[in-house]
Amino acid sequence: MKTAHTEIHNISAVRTLIADDSPFMLKAFSQILASEGIFILAASATDGSQAVRHALAIKPELILMDVHMPRLNGIEATRYIKQFPNETAYTASQWCGSAGECLILLEKHH
């Protein structure tokens, strides 16, 4: 008999990229993901340009992207990453200036 607990153990680890310019937030998100047991931190980035490079290189399944970062903000980094075919889920990790900014970040571009 399959249980929810059994199903969780059959799931392969979700490769995750965390992009945030705050060392505190990088550590906090890493610890939260590690405690869940099904996420592995494949890479971390401290600016949007670095996030784009990592995303294209490792093709993570989940990206936690801060909106406000140096060099390239999270919205622009996400737009760039989404130009390439993948099955990545995106989320704004914090500090959206408005609900509209968050929706832009998560919007599916065709």
Protein backbone atom coordinates (compact mmCIF):
# COMPACT_ATOMS: atom_id res chain seq x y z
CA MET A 1 0.00 0.00 0.00
CA LYS A 2 1.38 3.39 -1.01
CA THR A 3 1.31 6.19 1.50
CA ALA A 4 2.20 9.86 1.17
CA HIS A 5 5.39 9.08 3.08
CA THR A 6 6.33 6.36 0.56
CA GLU A 7 5.60 8.69 -2.36
CA ILE A 8 7.91 11.39 -0.95
CA HIS A 9 10.81 8.94 -0.77
CA ASN A 10 10.28 7.95 -4.41
CA ILE A 11 10.63 11.54 -5.65
CA SER A 12 14.04 12.47 -6.99
CA ALA A 13 15.66 15.53 -5.49
CA VAL A 14 14.58 18.85 -6.96
CA ARG A 15 17.64 20.74 -8.23
CA THR A 16 17.27 24.29 -6.95
CA LEU A 17 18.96 27.62 -7.70
CA ILE A 18 18.66 30.39 -5.12
CA ALA A 19 19.36 33.92 -6.36
CA ASP A 20 19.50 36.61 -3.68
CA ASP A 21 22.03 39.33 -2.92
CA SER A 22 21.52 38.93 0.84
CA PRO A 23 23.86 36.37 2.47
CA PHE A 24 21.29 36.00 5.26
CA MET A 25 18.49 35.11 2.81
CA LEU A 26 20.73 32.70 0.86
CA LYS A 27 21.51 30.85 4.08
CA ALA A 28 17.89 30.93 5.30
CA PHE A 29 16.48 29.56 2.03
CA SER A 30 19.22 26.91 1.89
CA GLN A 31 18.36 25.74 5.40
CA ILE A 32 14.62 25.68 4.68
CA LEU A 33 15.10 23.65 1.51
CA ALA A 34 17.51 21.24 3.24
CA SER A 35 15.01 20.65 6.04
CA GLU A 36 12.35 19.58 3.50
CA GLY A 37 14.53 16.70 2.31
CA ILE A 38 13.51 16.71 -1.36
CA PHE A 39 15.46 19.78 -2.53
CA ILE A 40 19.15 20.00 -3.28
CA LEU A 41 20.92 23.31 -3.66
CA ALA A 42 22.47 23.03 -7.11
CA ALA A 43 23.77 26.61 -7.11
CA SER A 44 23.37 30.03 -5.57
CA ALA A 45 23.80 33.47 -7.09
CA THR A 46 24.21 36.93 -5.61
CA ASP A 47 23.16 38.93 -8.69
CA GLY A 48 20.91 38.46 -11.69
CA SER A 49 23.73 37.95 -14.21
CA GLN A 50 25.18 35.15 -12.12
CA ALA A 51 21.70 33.62 -11.77
CA VAL A 52 21.30 33.54 -15.56
CA ARG A 53 24.70 31.87 -16.03
CA HIS A 54 23.94 29.23 -13.38
CA ALA A 55 20.42 28.58 -14.68
CA LEU A 56 21.61 27.99 -18.23
CA ALA A 57 24.48 25.78 -17.07
CA ILE A 58 22.71 23.55 -14.53
CA LYS A 59 19.07 23.76 -15.69
CA PRO A 60 17.53 23.72 -12.19
CA GLU A 61 13.98 22.53 -11.68
CA LEU A 62 13.21 25.35 -9.22
CA ILE A 63 14.58 28.89 -9.04
CA LEU A 64 13.98 31.13 -6.02
CA MET A 65 14.72 34.57 -7.47
CA ASP A 66 14.96 37.80 -5.51
CA VAL A 67 13.44 40.68 -7.45
CA HIS A 68 15.88 43.45 -6.47
CA MET A 69 19.50 42.45 -7.13
CA PRO A 70 22.57 44.19 -8.56
CA ARG A 71 23.71 44.00 -12.21
CA LEU A 72 20.46 42.47 -13.49
CA ASN A 73 17.27 42.46 -11.43
CA GLY A 74 15.32 39.27 -10.84
CA ILE A 75 12.55 40.17 -13.27
CA GLU A 76 14.95 40.73 -16.16
CA ALA A 77 17.00 37.65 -15.24
CA THR A 78 13.83 35.54 -15.25
CA ARG A 79 12.73 36.94 -18.61
CA TYR A 80 16.10 36.03 -20.07
CA ILE A 81 16.13 32.51 -18.59
CA LYS A 82 12.57 31.84 -19.82
CA GLN A 83 13.69 32.39 -23.43
CA PHE A 84 15.31 28.95 -23.30
CA PRO A 85 13.26 25.73 -23.22
CA ASN A 86 13.09 24.13 -19.79
CA GLU A 87 10.68 22.93 -17.14
CA THR A 88 11.74 25.32 -14.40
CA ALA A 89 9.34 26.75 -11.82
CA TYR A 90 10.05 30.34 -10.73
CA THR A 91 9.15 32.25 -7.64
CA ALA A 92 9.89 35.71 -6.32
CA SER A 93 11.70 35.14 -3.07
CA GLN A 94 11.05 38.52 -1.48
CA TRP A 95 10.52 42.23 -1.73
CA CYS A 96 8.35 42.63 -4.81
CA GLY A 97 7.78 46.34 -5.12
CA SER A 98 4.19 45.67 -6.16
CA ALA A 99 1.84 42.82 -6.95
CA GLY A 100 2.33 43.73 -10.62
CA GLU A 101 6.09 43.15 -10.37
CA CYS A 102 5.50 39.71 -8.89
CA LEU A 103 3.00 38.83 -11.62
CA ILE A 104 5.43 39.95 -14.31
CA LEU A 105 8.09 37.75 -12.75
CA LEU A 106 5.86 34.70 -12.74
CA GLU A 107 4.14 35.34 -16.07
CA LYS A 108 4.55 32.65 -18.73
CA HIS A 109 6.11 34.08 -21.91
CA HIS A 110 5.16 32.33 -25.14
